[in-house]
């Protein structure tokens, strides 16, 4: 019977415990990394919100076209920051399955502040750009494709198309207020310069046509 190997029970137990520990450590590290990523987004949203508040303060001090270059420069910085934050938030949700309603609501608040600030700059400085309120839903079959067409339209507009996105299926009071104000009930829906309301899928050319680009 010398051909059979003797099974070492303690060895298997040790191997099991080590494997379990490594797996648990990996899960823990993953959770910590995701939490740190969420904290980073929280911090970036606060910084962008403060930047908008500072620009609004400048408007209160001097609501004059002579300061338009300053307003527009600050606005572009916030546009870039909000765009990056949106991508990071989408990555957390789609790739890491990390859903943080409070974080998402803060992001929507930033988008709304950004939109209102952009409207002010457009009016005071006769800004040569168009504003798009985009309402989507995770349950909408056309919304992913619509997002791609909006990205194409933005790229073709050379920065003249500013898009502000809101998840209509979220339980955000901010989004609910916007939906009520603009009578939004289906997705995707786009509101361009608060003049043209486009419901259903539209390609980049159709979007740019209504945006004047």
Protein backbone atom coordinates (compact mmCIF):
# COMPACT_ATOMS: atom_id res chain seq x y z
CA UNK A 1 0.00 0.00 0.00
CA UNK A 2 2.99 2.27 -0.20
CA UNK A 3 1.66 3.76 -3.48
CA UNK A 4 -0.96 5.85 -1.63
CA UNK A 5 -0.05 9.28 -0.24
CA UNK A 6 -1.06 9.97 3.30
CA UNK A 7 -3.47 12.92 3.53
CA UNK A 8 -2.38 15.58 5.98
CA UNK A 9 -5.59 17.05 7.41
CA UNK A 10 -3.83 19.95 9.24
CA UNK A 11 -2.10 20.89 5.96
CA UNK A 12 -5.41 21.13 4.12
CA UNK A 13 -6.93 23.16 6.95
CA UNK A 14 -3.96 25.53 6.85
CA UNK A 15 -4.26 25.88 3.08
CA UNK A 16 -8.00 26.59 3.41
CA UNK A 17 -7.44 29.22 6.07
CA UNK A 18 -4.71 30.93 4.04
CA UNK A 19 -6.90 30.97 0.92
CA UNK A 20 -9.83 32.37 2.89
CA UNK A 21 -7.62 35.05 4.41
CA UNK A 22 -6.24 36.09 1.01
CA UNK A 23 -9.75 36.23 -0.47
CA UNK A 24 -11.06 38.22 2.48
CA UNK A 25 -8.11 40.60 2.32
CA UNK A 26 -8.73 41.13 -1.38
CA UNK A 27 -12.40 41.93 -0.80
CA UNK A 28 -11.52 44.29 2.05
CA UNK A 29 -8.89 46.10 -0.02
CA UNK A 30 -11.37 46.40 -2.89
CA UNK A 31 -13.98 47.95 -0.59
CA UNK A 32 -11.43 50.37 0.85
CA UNK A 33 -10.33 51.44 -2.66
CA UNK A 34 -13.95 51.99 -3.71
CA UNK A 35 -14.66 54.01 -0.57
CA UNK A 36 -11.60 56.15 -1.20
CA UNK A 37 -12.73 56.70 -4.80
CA UNK A 38 -16.15 57.86 -3.56
CA UNK A 39 -14.49 60.19 -1.02
CA UNK A 40 -12.35 61.64 -3.80
CA UNK A 41 -15.47 62.39 -5.87
CA UNK A 42 -17.15 63.98 -2.83
CA UNK A 43 -14.11 66.22 -2.36
CA UNK A 44 -13.95 67.19 -6.05
CA UNK A 45 -17.66 68.06 -6.09
CA UNK A 46 -17.17 70.35 -3.10
CA UNK A 47 -14.27 72.10 -4.84
CA UNK A 48 -16.28 72.60 -8.04
CA UNK A 49 -19.26 73.85 -6.03
CA UNK A 50 -17.02 76.38 -4.29
CA UNK A 51 -15.66 77.52 -7.66
CA UNK A 52 -19.20 78.19 -8.88
CA UNK A 53 -20.02 80.02 -5.63
CA UNK A 54 -16.98 82.24 -6.12
CA UNK A 55 -18.05 83.07 -9.68
CA UNK A 56 -21.57 83.85 -8.50
CA UNK A 57 -20.07 86.18 -5.90
CA UNK A 58 -18.16 87.98 -8.65
CA UNK A 59 -21.45 88.45 -10.50
CA UNK A 60 -22.97 90.02 -7.40
CA UNK A 61 -20.02 92.38 -7.09
CA UNK A 62 -19.91 93.35 -10.74
CA UNK A 63 -22.56 92.11 -13.15
CA UNK A 64 -20.75 93.57 -16.16
CA UNK A 65 -19.69 92.21 -19.58
CA UNK A 66 -16.23 93.66 -18.91
CA UNK A 67 -15.59 90.65 -16.63
CA UNK A 68 -16.84 88.07 -19.12
CA UNK A 69 -13.40 86.65 -19.82
CA UNK A 70 -13.04 85.80 -16.12
CA UNK A 71 -16.54 84.32 -15.87
CA UNK A 72 -16.06 82.20 -18.99
CA UNK A 73 -12.66 80.95 -17.86
CA UNK A 74 -14.03 79.82 -14.50
CA UNK A 75 -17.03 78.25 -16.17
CA UNK A 76 -14.86 76.19 -18.51
CA UNK A 77 -12.91 74.87 -15.54
CA UNK A 78 -16.11 73.73 -13.87
CA UNK A 79 -17.34 72.17 -17.13
CA UNK A 80 -14.16 70.10 -17.36
CA UNK A 81 -14.29 69.12 -13.68
CA UNK A 82 -17.97 68.12 -13.86
CA UNK A 83 -17.35 66.07 -17.01
CA UNK A 84 -14.56 64.13 -15.32
CA UNK A 85 -16.63 63.62 -12.17
CA UNK A 86 -19.51 62.27 -14.24
CA UNK A 87 -17.22 59.69 -15.83
CA UNK A 88 -15.79 58.66 -12.46
CA UNK A 89 -19.27 58.29 -10.99
CA UNK A 90 -20.41 56.21 -13.97
CA UNK A 91 -17.34 53.98 -13.60
CA UNK A 92 -18.12 53.35 -9.92
CA UNK A 93 -21.71 52.43 -10.73
CA UNK A 94 -21.24 50.42 -13.93
CA UNK A 95 -17.92 48.70 -13.28
CA UNK A 96 -17.75 48.49 -9.48
CA UNK A 97 -21.48 48.34 -8.68
CA UNK A 98 -21.02 51.07 -6.08
CA UNK A 99 -24.24 53.04 -5.65
CA UNK A 100 -24.23 56.07 -3.39
CA UNK A 101 -27.51 58.04 -3.63
CA UNK A 102 -26.13 60.95 -1.59
CA UNK A 103 -23.07 61.22 -3.81
CA UNK A 104 -25.20 61.11 -6.94
CA UNK A 105 -27.53 63.78 -5.56
CA UNK A 106 -24.55 66.02 -4.83
CA UNK A 107 -23.39 65.53 -8.40
CA UNK A 108 -26.83 66.52 -9.73
CA UNK A 109 -26.74 69.60 -7.48
CA UNK A 110 -23.39 70.51 -9.03
CA UNK A 111 -24.80 70.00 -12.54
CA UNK A 112 -27.75 72.28 -11.76
CA UNK A 113 -25.53 75.01 -10.28
CA UNK A 114 -23.29 74.71 -13.30
CA UNK A 115 -26.27 74.99 -15.64
CA UNK A 116 -27.69 78.07 -13.88
CA UNK A 117 -24.26 79.70 -13.91
CA UNK A 118 -23.87 78.94 -17.60
CA UNK A 119 -27.26 80.52 -18.31
CA UNK A 120 -26.16 83.68 -16.49
CA UNK A 121 -22.88 83.86 -18.41
CA UNK A 122 -24.69 83.24 -21.69
CA UNK A 123 -27.12 86.10 -21.01
CA UNK A 124 -24.62 88.65 -19.66
CA UNK A 125 -21.77 87.81 -22.02
CA UNK A 126 -23.81 86.82 -25.09
CA UNK A 127 -22.07 83.46 -24.90
CA UNK A 128 -21.71 81.63 -28.18
CA UNK A 129 -22.71 78.24 -26.86
CA UNK A 130 -25.85 76.13 -26.41
CA UNK A 131 -27.13 74.50 -23.24
CA UNK A 132 -28.64 71.03 -23.18
CA UNK A 133 -30.53 69.51 -20.26
CA UNK A 134 -30.41 65.76 -20.83
CA UNK A 135 -32.77 63.46 -18.93
CA UNK A 136 -32.06 59.74 -19.05
CA UNK A 137 -32.87 56.57 -17.14
CA UNK A 138 -30.97 53.36 -16.43
CA UNK A 139 -34.09 51.46 -17.55
CA UNK A 140 -34.18 53.25 -20.90
CA UNK A 141 -33.05 51.09 -23.83
CA UNK A 142 -32.20 54.06 -26.07
CA UNK A 143 -30.41 56.17 -23.45
CA UNK A 144 -26.97 54.56 -23.75
CA UNK A 145 -26.96 55.15 -27.50
CA UNK A 146 -28.34 58.64 -26.96
CA UNK A 147 -25.47 59.41 -24.63
CA UNK A 148 -23.06 58.39 -27.37
CA UNK A 149 -24.74 60.71 -29.87
CA UNK A 150 -24.60 63.58 -27.40
CA UNK A 151 -20.87 62.97 -27.00
CA UNK A 152 -20.46 63.09 -30.79
CA UNK A 153 -22.44 66.33 -30.96
CA UNK A 154 -20.29 67.89 -28.23
CA UNK A 155 -17.10 66.94 -30.02
CA UNK A 156 -18.34 68.28 -33.37
CA UNK A 157 -19.46 71.55 -31.76
CA UNK A 158 -15.88 72.36 -30.67
CA UNK A 159 -16.97 73.04 -27.11
CA UNK A 160 -20.06 75.09 -28.00
CA UNK A 161 -22.51 72.45 -26.79
CA UNK A 162 -22.75 72.19 -23.01
CA UNK A 163 -24.58 69.12 -21.73
CA UNK A 164 -25.98 68.70 -18.21
CA UNK A 165 -27.17 65.17 -17.47
CA UNK A 166 -29.80 64.04 -14.96
CA UNK A 167 -30.95 60.52 -14.12
CA UNK A 168 -34.73 60.72 -14.17
CA UNK A 169 -35.09 57.38 -12.41
CA UNK A 170 -33.08 58.50 -9.40
CA UNK A 171 -34.84 59.59 -6.23
CA UNK A 172 -33.18 62.97 -6.27
CA UNK A 173 -35.36 65.90 -5.21
CA UNK A 174 -33.29 68.11 -7.52
CA UNK A 175 -34.04 65.95 -10.55
CA UNK A 176 -37.71 65.65 -9.55
CA UNK A 177 -38.00 69.44 -9.41
CA UNK A 178 -36.42 69.81 -12.86
CA UNK A 179 -38.70 67.13 -14.31
CA UNK A 180 -41.74 68.89 -12.89
CA UNK A 181 -40.62 72.30 -14.12
CA UNK A 182 -40.01 71.08 -17.67
CA UNK A 183 -42.74 68.41 -17.74
CA UNK A 184 -40.37 65.48 -18.33
CA UNK A 185 -42.06 62.06 -18.36
CA UNK A 186 -40.21 59.97 -20.98
CA UNK A 187 -36.58 59.12 -21.68
CA UNK A 188 -34.41 60.13 -23.33
CA UNK A 189 -35.49 63.77 -23.39
CA UNK A 190 -33.35 66.80 -24.22
CA UNK A 191 -34.14 70.44 -23.65
CA UNK A 192 -31.97 72.71 -25.80
CA UNK A 193 -31.59 76.33 -24.68
CA UNK A 194 -34.99 75.89 -22.96
CA UNK A 195 -36.46 76.36 -26.42
CA UNK A 196 -36.48 72.97 -28.13
CA UNK A 197 -37.72 69.85 -26.38
CA UNK A 198 -36.60 66.64 -28.06
CA UNK A 199 -38.13 63.37 -26.87
CA UNK A 200 -36.92 59.99 -28.03
CA UNK A 201 -33.64 59.14 -29.71
CA UNK A 202 -31.96 61.84 -31.84
CA UNK A 203 -28.66 61.58 -33.67
CA UNK A 204 -25.80 64.08 -33.40
CA UNK A 205 -26.85 65.94 -36.57
CA UNK A 206 -30.40 66.47 -35.30
CA UNK A 207 -29.12 67.74 -31.97
CA UNK A 208 -26.69 70.19 -33.55
CA UNK A 209 -29.38 71.43 -35.93
CA UNK A 210 -31.59 72.48 -33.04
CA UNK A 211 -28.62 73.85 -31.12
CA UNK A 212 -27.68 76.05 -34.04
CA UNK A 213 -24.37 74.30 -34.59
